[in-house]
Amino acid sequence: MKTIILEAEEDILDLLVYNFSQSHFETEGFEDIDDLIQNPPPAPIPLIIVGNTHPPDNQLDVCASLRNIPAFKDSILICLTTNADHCDQKKSF
């Protein structure tokens, strides 16, 4: 399965990409959402993992931006961490 991992911390990104690859996922990692938005894949990506983001971005804004890219409109988006704020929980649904 093709998978994209978006994680701002390089060591965490490397660890996630390695582990997903070892589990036979076709995985590509990005540290910055701008790199991903400027170079989206031509084919749909079924799974996107969103980890830590660079300020001023937050995970919900990143997910909203990804939804505007045709290759990601049907992707499953998973946030590894998020604020426990009640408003953020409502936005995520």
Protein backbone atom coordinates (compact mmCIF):
# COMPACT_ATOMS: atom_id res chain seq x y z
CA MET A 1 0.00 0.00 0.00
CA LYS A 2 1.29 3.45 -0.87
CA THR A 3 1.71 5.61 2.21
CA ILE A 4 2.91 9.14 2.90
CA ILE A 5 4.26 10.16 6.27
CA LEU A 6 4.43 13.86 7.12
CA GLU A 7 6.57 14.48 10.21
CA ALA A 8 8.58 17.60 11.11
CA GLU A 9 11.13 15.78 13.28
CA GLU A 10 13.67 14.12 10.99
CA ASP A 11 14.61 11.30 13.37
CA ILE A 12 10.96 10.37 13.96
CA LEU A 13 10.27 10.57 10.22
CA ASP A 14 13.19 8.24 9.46
CA LEU A 15 12.00 5.77 12.09
CA LEU A 16 8.42 5.76 10.79
CA VAL A 17 9.45 5.42 7.14
CA TYR A 18 11.80 2.56 8.02
CA ASN A 19 9.19 0.68 10.07
CA PHE A 20 6.43 1.09 7.50
CA SER A 21 8.82 -0.01 4.74
CA GLN A 22 9.76 -3.09 6.74
CA SER A 23 6.04 -3.92 6.87
CA HIS A 24 5.90 -3.83 3.05
CA PHE A 25 4.29 -0.39 2.73
CA GLU A 26 5.51 1.70 -0.20
CA THR A 27 6.38 4.72 1.94
CA GLU A 28 7.53 8.25 1.20
CA GLY A 29 8.38 10.72 3.95
CA PHE A 30 8.10 14.50 4.02
CA GLU A 31 9.29 16.91 6.72
CA ASP A 32 7.36 19.89 5.40
CA ILE A 33 3.85 20.16 4.00
CA ASP A 34 5.02 22.70 1.42
CA ASP A 35 7.26 20.05 -0.18
CA LEU A 36 4.31 17.69 -0.38
CA ILE A 37 1.91 20.31 -1.76
CA GLN A 38 4.43 21.46 -4.39
CA ASN A 39 5.21 17.89 -5.47
CA PRO A 40 2.04 15.82 -5.01
CA PRO A 41 2.11 12.27 -6.31
CA PRO A 42 0.31 11.64 -9.59
CA ALA A 43 -1.61 8.63 -8.26
CA PRO A 44 -4.01 8.50 -5.32
CA ILE A 45 -2.44 7.71 -1.94
CA PRO A 46 -4.64 5.52 0.29
CA LEU A 47 -2.98 6.38 3.63
CA ILE A 48 -1.36 9.54 4.99
CA ILE A 49 0.12 9.70 8.49
CA VAL A 50 0.42 13.24 9.89
CA GLY A 51 2.77 13.66 12.84
CA ASN A 52 4.35 16.78 14.29
CA THR A 53 4.17 19.87 12.10
CA HIS A 54 6.31 22.98 11.84
CA PRO A 55 4.79 26.13 13.40
CA PRO A 56 2.59 27.92 12.53
CA ASP A 57 0.89 24.86 10.98
CA ASN A 58 -1.19 22.54 13.10
CA GLN A 59 -2.34 19.05 12.18
CA LEU A 60 -5.93 19.99 11.44
CA ASP A 61 -4.87 22.78 9.07
CA VAL A 62 -2.44 20.38 7.39
CA CYS A 63 -5.21 17.79 6.91
CA ALA A 64 -7.53 20.46 5.48
CA SER A 65 -4.80 21.52 3.03
CA LEU A 66 -4.21 17.93 1.99
CA ARG A 67 -7.91 17.40 1.25
CA ASN A 68 -7.67 20.14 -1.40
CA ILE A 69 -5.17 18.07 -3.42
CA PRO A 70 -6.92 15.69 -5.85
CA ALA A 71 -4.54 12.78 -5.11
CA PHE A 72 -5.50 12.98 -1.42
CA LYS A 73 -9.25 13.62 -1.55
CA ASP A 74 -10.08 9.99 -0.71
CA SER A 75 -7.04 9.26 1.48
CA ILE A 76 -7.31 8.06 5.04
CA LEU A 77 -5.63 10.72 7.19
CA ILE A 78 -4.28 9.68 10.58
CA CYS A 79 -2.90 12.21 13.06
CA LEU A 80 -0.38 10.68 15.45
CA THR A 81 -0.80 13.51 17.93
CA THR A 82 -3.18 16.39 18.27
CA ASN A 83 -4.35 18.92 20.78
CA ALA A 84 -6.86 17.62 23.28
CA ASP A 85 -8.81 20.84 22.88
CA HIS A 86 -12.57 20.20 22.56
CA CYS A 87 -12.85 22.42 19.47
CA ASP A 88 -10.07 20.51 17.72
CA GLN A 89 -11.78 17.21 18.47
CA LYS A 90 -15.01 18.49 16.89
CA LYS A 91 -13.14 19.84 13.83
CA SER A 92 -11.46 16.49 13.24
CA PHE A 93 -14.80 14.82 12.61
